[in-house]
Amino acid sequence: QQWKTDVIRIERFSENCTVAEEGVFRFMIHAPGVKKLKMFRVARNEALGDTPTYIDIETEGGTVGAPRGTGFFEVSLESVNADFVGTEDRYECSDNNGRYDLQQYCDPNPLHATCIENEGASPSCECRAENGYHGNGQECALKPDHYDALVKDQYFR
């Protein structure tokens, strides 16, 4: 996943100079060209050799607001004193019914299948039963009882 922001260290202290972790903290961040920003807290695990783990701030009560102007987002955190980084979910369904980075996720014909975005994961695909198609979403075929003898462009798989 390609990061869209710098890693940001946020540390907060109380009036008497002690660490203040709790309490809502809001800030604006600039991520040019991003449609929907996702922010992650970077957690380090010494048991795993200090390998970073990325935790979606929304699972910890944080939020990222809708874009304001040209790439500015308001971020709200429930807890700070950590590193944070932002990225953008890929929109695999936005072009050619799920064709993204030379990988076709769904049946390429949008009349056969519907591509469904899944934030942070590959899209899911469903054959369009309302059009008479069935299958796993990656390959959809017309059900035999939906063939029309007068339509010449139908074929069997």
N, C-alpha and C. Protein backbone atom coordinates (compact mmCIF):
# COMPACT_ATOMS: atom_id res chain seq x y z
N GLN A 1 0.85 -1.17 0.00
CA GLN A 1 0.00 0.00 0.00
C GLN A 1 0.90 1.23 0.00
N GLN A 2 0.61 2.15 -0.86
CA GLN A 2 1.41 3.35 -0.99
C GLN A 2 0.92 4.41 -0.01
N TRP A 3 1.82 4.93 0.82
CA TRP A 3 1.46 5.97 1.77
C TRP A 3 1.28 7.30 1.06
N LYS A 4 0.28 8.05 1.47
CA LYS A 4 -0.05 9.35 0.86
C LYS A 4 0.33 10.53 1.75
N THR A 5 0.77 10.26 2.99
CA THR A 5 1.20 11.32 3.88
C THR A 5 2.55 10.94 4.47
N ASP A 6 3.19 11.91 5.07
CA ASP A 6 4.38 11.62 5.87
C ASP A 6 3.93 10.91 7.14
N VAL A 7 4.86 10.23 7.80
CA VAL A 7 4.59 9.70 9.13
C VAL A 7 4.62 10.88 10.09
N ILE A 8 3.60 10.98 10.91
CA ILE A 8 3.46 12.11 11.82
C ILE A 8 3.55 11.61 13.25
N ARG A 9 4.45 12.17 14.02
CA ARG A 9 4.56 11.84 15.45
C ARG A 9 3.74 12.87 16.21
N ILE A 10 2.78 12.42 17.01
CA ILE A 10 1.97 13.33 17.81
C ILE A 10 2.20 13.00 19.28
N GLU A 11 2.70 13.99 20.00
CA GLU A 11 2.91 13.86 21.44
C GLU A 11 2.20 15.02 22.12
N ARG A 12 1.53 14.71 23.22
CA ARG A 12 0.78 15.75 23.92
C ARG A 12 1.12 15.69 25.39
N PHE A 13 1.22 16.88 25.99
CA PHE A 13 1.59 16.97 27.41
C PHE A 13 0.58 17.85 28.13
N SER A 14 0.40 17.58 29.41
CA SER A 14 -0.49 18.38 30.25
C SER A 14 0.22 19.66 30.69
N GLU A 15 -0.50 20.50 31.42
CA GLU A 15 0.07 21.76 31.90
C GLU A 15 1.28 21.55 32.81
N ASN A 16 1.30 20.40 33.54
CA ASN A 16 2.43 20.15 34.43
C ASN A 16 3.50 19.27 33.77
N CYS A 17 3.49 19.24 32.44
CA CYS A 17 4.51 18.56 31.64
C CYS A 17 4.52 17.04 31.76
N THR A 18 3.38 16.45 32.15
CA THR A 18 3.28 14.99 32.14
C THR A 18 2.60 14.58 30.84
N VAL A 19 2.84 13.34 30.45
CA VAL A 19 2.26 12.83 29.21
C VAL A 19 0.74 12.79 29.32
N ALA A 20 0.06 13.32 28.32
CA ALA A 20 -1.41 13.34 28.28
C ALA A 20 -1.84 12.58 27.03
N GLU A 21 -2.20 11.31 27.21
CA GLU A 21 -2.58 10.48 26.06
C GLU A 21 -4.06 10.59 25.73
N GLU A 22 -4.90 10.65 26.73
CA GLU A 22 -6.35 10.58 26.52
C GLU A 22 -6.93 11.95 26.16
N GLY A 23 -8.09 11.90 25.53
CA GLY A 23 -8.78 13.12 25.13
C GLY A 23 -8.70 13.32 23.64
N VAL A 24 -9.76 13.83 23.06
CA VAL A 24 -9.84 14.00 21.60
C VAL A 24 -8.80 15.02 21.14
N PHE A 25 -8.14 14.68 20.05
CA PHE A 25 -7.14 15.55 19.44
C PHE A 25 -7.49 15.68 17.96
N ARG A 26 -7.62 16.91 17.47
CA ARG A 26 -7.99 17.14 16.07
C ARG A 26 -6.88 17.92 15.38
N PHE A 27 -6.67 17.59 14.10
CA PHE A 27 -5.70 18.33 13.29
C PHE A 27 -6.08 18.21 11.82
N MET A 28 -5.55 19.11 11.02
CA MET A 28 -5.74 19.08 9.57
C MET A 28 -4.49 18.49 8.94
N ILE A 29 -4.69 17.70 7.90
CA ILE A 29 -3.56 17.12 7.17
C ILE A 29 -3.80 17.31 5.69
N HIS A 30 -2.73 17.52 4.95
CA HIS A 30 -2.82 17.73 3.51
C HIS A 30 -2.35 16.47 2.79
N ALA A 31 -3.21 15.94 1.93
CA ALA A 31 -2.90 14.76 1.13
C ALA A 31 -3.40 15.04 -0.29
N PRO A 32 -2.60 15.72 -1.11
CA PRO A 32 -3.04 16.13 -2.45
C PRO A 32 -3.45 14.94 -3.32
N GLY A 33 -4.54 15.11 -4.04
CA GLY A 33 -5.00 14.09 -4.98
C GLY A 33 -5.75 12.92 -4.37
N VAL A 34 -5.90 12.90 -3.06
CA VAL A 34 -6.57 11.80 -2.37
C VAL A 34 -8.06 12.08 -2.30
N LYS A 35 -8.87 11.07 -2.65
CA LYS A 35 -10.33 11.21 -2.59
C LYS A 35 -10.86 10.92 -1.19
N LYS A 36 -10.35 9.84 -0.59
CA LYS A 36 -10.81 9.44 0.74
C LYS A 36 -9.61 8.94 1.52
N LEU A 37 -9.20 9.72 2.51
CA LEU A 37 -8.00 9.41 3.28
C LEU A 37 -8.30 8.39 4.37
N LYS A 38 -7.40 7.44 4.54
CA LYS A 38 -7.45 6.46 5.64
C LYS A 38 -6.21 6.69 6.49
N MET A 39 -6.39 6.85 7.78
CA MET A 39 -5.27 7.07 8.69
C MET A 39 -5.04 5.83 9.56
N PHE A 40 -3.77 5.57 9.82
CA PHE A 40 -3.38 4.41 10.62
C PHE A 40 -2.42 4.84 11.72
N ARG A 41 -2.58 4.22 12.89
CA ARG A 41 -1.61 4.38 13.97
C ARG A 41 -0.54 3.33 13.76
N VAL A 42 0.72 3.74 13.88
CA VAL A 42 1.83 2.81 13.71
C VAL A 42 2.19 2.26 15.07
N ALA A 43 1.95 0.96 15.27
CA ALA A 43 2.28 0.30 16.54
C ALA A 43 3.53 -0.54 16.31
N ARG A 44 4.42 -0.50 17.24
CA ARG A 44 5.65 -1.28 17.15
C ARG A 44 5.57 -2.43 18.14
N ASN A 45 6.00 -3.61 17.70
CA ASN A 45 5.94 -4.80 18.54
C ASN A 45 7.35 -5.33 18.72
N GLU A 46 7.89 -5.17 19.91
CA GLU A 46 9.25 -5.62 20.18
C GLU A 46 9.39 -7.13 20.01
N ALA A 47 8.33 -7.88 20.31
CA ALA A 47 8.37 -9.33 20.17
C ALA A 47 8.55 -9.75 18.71
N LEU A 48 8.14 -8.88 17.79
CA LEU A 48 8.27 -9.18 16.36
C LEU A 48 9.47 -8.45 15.76
N GLY A 49 10.44 -8.11 16.59
CA GLY A 49 11.62 -7.42 16.08
C GLY A 49 11.34 -5.98 15.72
N ASP A 50 10.42 -5.35 16.43
CA ASP A 50 10.05 -3.96 16.21
C ASP A 50 9.40 -3.73 14.84
N THR A 51 8.82 -4.79 14.30
CA THR A 51 8.10 -4.68 13.03
C THR A 51 6.83 -3.86 13.23
N PRO A 52 6.60 -2.85 12.40
CA PRO A 52 5.40 -2.02 12.60
C PRO A 52 4.13 -2.76 12.21
N THR A 53 3.08 -2.47 12.96
CA THR A 53 1.73 -2.92 12.66
C THR A 53 0.90 -1.67 12.46
N TYR A 54 0.03 -1.67 11.47
CA TYR A 54 -0.75 -0.48 11.14
C TYR A 54 -2.20 -0.73 11.57
N ILE A 55 -2.69 0.14 12.46
CA ILE A 55 -4.03 -0.02 13.03
C ILE A 55 -4.89 1.14 12.55
N ASP A 56 -5.99 0.81 11.88
CA ASP A 56 -6.93 1.81 11.36
C ASP A 56 -7.46 2.63 12.54
N ILE A 57 -7.32 3.95 12.48
CA ILE A 57 -7.75 4.78 13.61
C ILE A 57 -9.26 4.69 13.84
N GLU A 58 -10.03 4.33 12.81
CA GLU A 58 -11.47 4.22 12.98
C GLU A 58 -11.85 3.06 13.89
N THR A 59 -10.98 2.06 14.00
CA THR A 59 -11.25 0.95 14.93
C THR A 59 -10.98 1.35 16.37
N GLU A 60 -10.36 2.52 16.57
CA GLU A 60 -10.05 3.01 17.91
C GLU A 60 -10.83 4.29 18.23
N GLY A 61 -11.89 4.56 17.48
CA GLY A 61 -12.73 5.71 17.74
C GLY A 61 -12.34 6.98 17.00
N GLY A 62 -11.29 6.93 16.18
CA GLY A 62 -10.87 8.09 15.41
C GLY A 62 -11.71 8.26 14.16
N THR A 63 -11.60 9.43 13.54
CA THR A 63 -12.33 9.69 12.30
C THR A 63 -11.46 10.51 11.35
N VAL A 64 -11.78 10.39 10.07
CA VAL A 64 -11.20 11.25 9.04
C VAL A 64 -12.37 11.87 8.30
N GLY A 65 -12.43 13.20 8.32
CA GLY A 65 -13.53 13.89 7.67
C GLY A 65 -13.41 13.90 6.16
N ALA A 66 -14.48 14.33 5.52
CA ALA A 66 -14.50 14.47 4.06
C ALA A 66 -13.48 15.52 3.65
N PRO A 67 -12.98 15.44 2.42
CA PRO A 67 -11.98 16.42 1.98
C PRO A 67 -12.52 17.84 2.06
N ARG A 68 -11.64 18.74 2.47
CA ARG A 68 -11.97 20.17 2.53
C ARG A 68 -11.04 20.88 1.56
N GLY A 69 -11.60 21.43 0.53
CA GLY A 69 -10.77 22.11 -0.46
C GLY A 69 -9.95 21.11 -1.25
N THR A 70 -8.72 21.46 -1.51
CA THR A 70 -7.86 20.62 -2.35
C THR A 70 -6.95 19.73 -1.51
N GLY A 71 -7.49 18.62 -1.05
CA GLY A 71 -6.69 17.61 -0.37
C GLY A 71 -6.47 17.81 1.11
N PHE A 72 -7.26 18.65 1.78
CA PHE A 72 -7.15 18.83 3.22
C PHE A 72 -8.22 18.01 3.93
N PHE A 73 -7.82 17.31 4.98
CA PHE A 73 -8.72 16.44 5.73
C PHE A 73 -8.59 16.76 7.22
N GLU A 74 -9.72 16.74 7.94
CA GLU A 74 -9.66 16.88 9.39
C GLU A 74 -9.62 15.49 10.00
N VAL A 75 -8.64 15.27 10.86
CA VAL A 75 -8.47 13.98 11.52
C VAL A 75 -8.75 14.18 13.00
N SER A 76 -9.51 13.27 13.58
CA SER A 76 -9.83 13.30 15.00
C SER A 76 -9.35 11.99 15.62
N LEU A 77 -8.57 12.09 16.68
CA LEU A 77 -8.00 10.92 17.35
C LEU A 77 -8.49 10.87 18.79
N GLU A 78 -8.74 9.67 19.28
CA GLU A 78 -9.14 9.48 20.67
C GLU A 78 -7.94 9.40 21.59
N SER A 79 -6.80 9.02 21.07
CA SER A 79 -5.60 8.88 21.87
C SER A 79 -4.40 9.23 20.99
N VAL A 80 -3.39 9.85 21.59
CA VAL A 80 -2.22 10.26 20.82
C VAL A 80 -0.95 9.66 21.42
N ASN A 81 0.17 10.36 21.26
CA ASN A 81 1.49 9.89 21.67
C ASN A 81 1.86 8.64 20.89
N ALA A 82 1.80 8.78 19.59
CA ALA A 82 2.11 7.68 18.68
C ALA A 82 2.45 8.27 17.32
N ASP A 83 2.84 7.40 16.39
CA ASP A 83 3.07 7.78 15.01
C ASP A 83 1.82 7.46 14.20
N PHE A 84 1.52 8.31 13.21
CA PHE A 84 0.35 8.12 12.36
C PHE A 84 0.77 8.33 10.91
N VAL A 85 0.09 7.62 10.00
CA VAL A 85 0.38 7.74 8.58
C VAL A 85 -0.92 7.54 7.81
N GLY A 86 -1.02 8.18 6.64
CA GLY A 86 -2.25 8.11 5.86
C GLY A 86 -2.04 7.51 4.49
N THR A 87 -3.09 6.88 3.99
CA THR A 87 -3.08 6.30 2.66
C THR A 87 -4.47 6.43 2.06
N GLU A 88 -4.62 5.93 0.87
CA GLU A 88 -5.93 5.95 0.21
C GLU A 88 -6.24 4.54 -0.26
N ASP A 89 -7.47 4.14 -0.02
CA ASP A 89 -7.89 2.83 -0.50
C ASP A 89 -7.92 2.86 -2.03
N ARG A 90 -7.51 1.77 -2.65
CA ARG A 90 -7.60 1.69 -4.12
C ARG A 90 -9.06 1.52 -4.50
N TYR A 91 -9.43 2.11 -5.61
CA TYR A 91 -10.80 2.01 -6.10
C TYR A 91 -10.81 1.07 -7.30
N GLU A 92 -10.75 -0.22 -7.00
CA GLU A 92 -10.62 -1.22 -8.06
C GLU A 92 -11.84 -1.27 -8.97
N CYS A 93 -13.00 -0.93 -8.46
CA CYS A 93 -14.22 -1.04 -9.26
C CYS A 93 -14.47 0.17 -10.16
N SER A 94 -13.71 1.23 -10.00
CA SER A 94 -14.03 2.46 -10.71
C SER A 94 -13.76 2.39 -12.20
N ASP A 95 -12.94 1.46 -12.63
CA ASP A 95 -12.59 1.40 -14.05
C ASP A 95 -12.77 -0.01 -14.57
N ASN A 96 -13.50 -0.17 -15.65
CA ASN A 96 -13.62 -1.44 -16.36
C ASN A 96 -14.10 -2.58 -15.46
N ASN A 97 -15.09 -2.30 -14.60
CA ASN A 97 -15.73 -3.31 -13.76
C ASN A 97 -14.73 -4.15 -12.96
N GLY A 98 -13.81 -3.49 -12.31
CA GLY A 98 -12.91 -4.23 -11.43
C GLY A 98 -11.56 -4.55 -12.03
N ARG A 99 -11.20 -3.96 -13.16
CA ARG A 99 -9.86 -4.19 -13.70
C ARG A 99 -8.95 -3.11 -13.13
N TYR A 100 -7.94 -3.54 -12.38
CA TYR A 100 -7.06 -2.58 -11.69
C TYR A 100 -5.65 -3.16 -11.72
N ASP A 101 -4.68 -2.34 -12.11
CA ASP A 101 -3.28 -2.78 -12.17
C ASP A 101 -3.12 -4.10 -12.91
N LEU A 102 -3.75 -4.18 -14.07
CA LEU A 102 -3.68 -5.36 -14.95
C LEU A 102 -4.29 -6.61 -14.33
N GLN A 103 -5.02 -6.48 -13.25
CA GLN A 103 -5.70 -7.64 -12.66
C GLN A 103 -7.19 -7.42 -12.80
N GLN A 104 -7.86 -8.42 -13.33
CA GLN A 104 -9.31 -8.35 -13.48
C GLN A 104 -9.95 -9.07 -12.30
N TYR A 105 -10.64 -8.33 -11.44
CA TYR A 105 -11.27 -8.92 -10.27
C TYR A 105 -12.62 -9.54 -10.60
N CYS A 106 -13.38 -8.89 -11.47
CA CYS A 106 -14.74 -9.34 -11.77
C CYS A 106 -14.88 -9.67 -13.25
N ASP A 107 -15.97 -10.35 -13.57
CA ASP A 107 -16.32 -10.56 -14.98
C ASP A 107 -16.26 -9.20 -15.66
N PRO A 108 -15.53 -9.07 -16.77
CA PRO A 108 -15.31 -7.76 -17.38
C PRO A 108 -16.57 -7.09 -17.92
N ASN A 109 -17.65 -7.85 -18.13
CA ASN A 109 -18.87 -7.26 -18.65
C ASN A 109 -19.76 -6.81 -17.50
N PRO A 110 -20.00 -5.49 -17.35
CA PRO A 110 -20.81 -5.01 -16.23
C PRO A 110 -22.27 -5.47 -16.28
N LEU A 111 -22.73 -5.99 -17.41
CA LEU A 111 -24.07 -6.56 -17.47
C LEU A 111 -24.10 -7.94 -16.81
N HIS A 112 -22.93 -8.58 -16.70
CA HIS A 112 -22.85 -9.92 -16.12
C HIS A 112 -22.59 -9.88 -14.62
N ALA A 113 -21.75 -8.95 -14.16
CA ALA A 113 -21.34 -8.93 -12.75
C ALA A 113 -21.27 -7.51 -12.22
N THR A 114 -21.42 -7.39 -10.91
CA THR A 114 -21.29 -6.13 -10.21
C THR A 114 -20.04 -6.19 -9.35
N CYS A 115 -19.21 -5.17 -9.46
CA CYS A 115 -18.00 -5.04 -8.65
C CYS A 115 -18.35 -4.23 -7.41
N ILE A 116 -17.99 -4.73 -6.22
CA ILE A 116 -18.33 -4.07 -4.96
C ILE A 116 -17.05 -3.73 -4.21
N GLU A 117 -16.83 -2.43 -3.97
CA GLU A 117 -15.63 -1.98 -3.25
C GLU A 117 -15.65 -2.50 -1.82
N ASN A 118 -14.51 -2.94 -1.33
CA ASN A 118 -14.31 -3.32 0.06
C ASN A 118 -13.12 -2.54 0.58
N GLU A 119 -13.36 -1.63 1.49
CA GLU A 119 -12.31 -0.75 1.97
C GLU A 119 -11.18 -1.57 2.60
N GLY A 120 -9.97 -1.34 2.12
CA GLY A 120 -8.80 -2.02 2.67
C GLY A 120 -8.61 -3.43 2.19
N ALA A 121 -9.40 -3.87 1.23
CA ALA A 121 -9.30 -5.24 0.73
C ALA A 121 -9.68 -5.26 -0.75
N SER A 122 -9.43 -6.39 -1.38
CA SER A 122 -9.83 -6.55 -2.78
C SER A 122 -11.34 -6.47 -2.89
N PRO A 123 -11.84 -6.08 -4.05
CA PRO A 123 -13.29 -5.99 -4.21
C PRO A 123 -13.92 -7.38 -4.24
N SER A 124 -15.20 -7.41 -3.97
CA SER A 124 -15.95 -8.65 -4.15
C SER A 124 -16.80 -8.47 -5.41
N CYS A 125 -17.18 -9.57 -5.98
CA CYS A 125 -17.93 -9.55 -7.24
C CYS A 125 -19.14 -10.44 -7.11
N GLU A 126 -20.23 -9.99 -7.64
CA GLU A 126 -21.45 -10.77 -7.64
C GLU A 126 -22.02 -10.81 -9.04
N CYS A 127 -22.41 -12.00 -9.47
CA CYS A 127 -23.08 -12.11 -10.77
C CYS A 127 -24.45 -11.46 -10.66
N ARG A 128 -24.87 -10.87 -11.75
CA ARG A 128 -26.13 -10.11 -11.74
C ARG A 128 -27.30 -11.05 -12.02
N ALA A 129 -27.86 -11.57 -10.93
CA ALA A 129 -28.98 -12.51 -11.04
C ALA A 129 -30.18 -11.87 -11.72
N GLU A 130 -30.35 -10.54 -11.52
CA GLU A 130 -31.50 -9.87 -12.14
C GLU A 130 -31.40 -9.89 -13.66
N ASN A 131 -30.19 -10.08 -14.19
CA ASN A 131 -30.00 -10.20 -15.64
C ASN A 131 -29.90 -11.66 -16.08
N GLY A 132 -30.09 -12.59 -15.13
CA GLY A 132 -30.08 -14.01 -15.48
C GLY A 132 -28.71 -14.68 -15.38
N TYR A 133 -27.72 -14.03 -14.77
CA TYR A 133 -26.38 -14.59 -14.70
C TYR A 133 -26.11 -15.24 -13.34
N HIS A 134 -25.26 -16.26 -13.36
CA HIS A 134 -24.85 -16.93 -12.13
C HIS A 134 -23.39 -17.31 -12.25
N GLY A 135 -22.75 -17.52 -11.11
CA GLY A 135 -21.34 -17.89 -11.08
C GLY A 135 -20.68 -17.32 -9.84
N ASN A 136 -19.36 -17.22 -9.87
CA ASN A 136 -18.62 -16.77 -8.68
C ASN A 136 -18.32 -15.27 -8.69
N GLY A 137 -18.76 -14.55 -9.68
CA GLY A 137 -18.51 -13.12 -9.77
C GLY A 137 -17.34 -12.79 -10.67
N GLN A 138 -16.35 -13.69 -10.70
CA GLN A 138 -15.22 -13.49 -11.60
C GLN A 138 -15.56 -14.03 -12.98
N GLU A 139 -16.36 -15.08 -13.00
CA GLU A 139 -16.89 -15.62 -14.26
C GLU A 139 -18.38 -15.82 -14.06
N CYS A 140 -19.15 -15.19 -14.91
CA CYS A 140 -20.61 -15.30 -14.82
C CYS A 140 -21.13 -15.83 -16.15
N ALA A 141 -22.09 -16.71 -16.07
CA ALA A 141 -22.69 -17.29 -17.27
C ALA A 141 -24.20 -17.13 -17.19
N LEU A 142 -24.80 -17.02 -18.34
CA LEU A 142 -26.25 -16.90 -18.41
C LEU A 142 -26.87 -18.24 -18.06
N LYS A 143 -27.86 -18.22 -17.20
CA LYS A 143 -28.55 -19.45 -16.83
C LYS A 143 -29.27 -19.98 -18.07
N PRO A 144 -29.28 -21.31 -18.24
CA PRO A 144 -29.89 -21.88 -19.45
C PRO A 144 -31.34 -21.44 -19.69
N ASP A 145 -32.10 -21.24 -18.62
CA ASP A 145 -33.50 -20.85 -18.82
C ASP A 145 -33.66 -19.39 -19.23
N HIS A 146 -32.54 -18.65 -19.35
CA HIS A 146 -32.59 -17.26 -19.79
C HIS A 146 -32.11 -17.06 -21.23
N TYR A 147 -31.74 -18.13 -21.91
CA TYR A 147 -31.32 -17.99 -23.30
C TYR A 147 -32.52 -17.68 -24.17
N ASP A 148 -32.30 -16.86 -25.16
CA ASP A 148 -33.36 -16.49 -26.09
C ASP A 148 -32.93 -16.94 -27.48
N ALA A 149 -33.69 -17.80 -28.09
CA ALA A 149 -33.35 -18.34 -29.40
C ALA A 149 -33.25 -17.26 -30.47
N LEU A 150 -33.89 -16.12 -30.27
CA LEU A 150 -33.88 -15.06 -31.26
C LEU A 150 -32.64 -14.16 -31.13
N VAL A 151 -31.93 -14.24 -29.99
CA VAL A 151 -30.74 -13.41 -29.79
C VAL A 151 -29.52 -14.23 -30.20
N LYS A 152 -28.83 -13.77 -31.24
CA LYS A 152 -27.73 -14.54 -31.82
C LYS A 152 -26.40 -14.39 -31.08
N ASP A 153 -26.23 -13.34 -30.24
CA ASP A 153 -24.93 -13.13 -29.61
C ASP A 153 -24.77 -13.88 -28.27
N GLN A 154 -25.74 -14.70 -27.91
CA GLN A 154 -25.59 -15.50 -26.69
C GLN A 154 -24.76 -16.75 -27.02
N TYR A 155 -23.98 -17.18 -26.07
CA TYR A 155 -23.12 -18.34 -26.30
C TYR A 155 -23.01 -19.14 -25.02
N PHE A 156 -22.52 -20.35 -25.16
CA PHE A 156 -22.30 -21.24 -24.01
C PHE A 156 -20.85 -21.21 -23.60
N ARG A 157 -20.59 -21.36 -22.31
CA ARG A 157 -19.20 -21.47 -21.83
C ARG A 157 -18.90 -22.91 -21.53
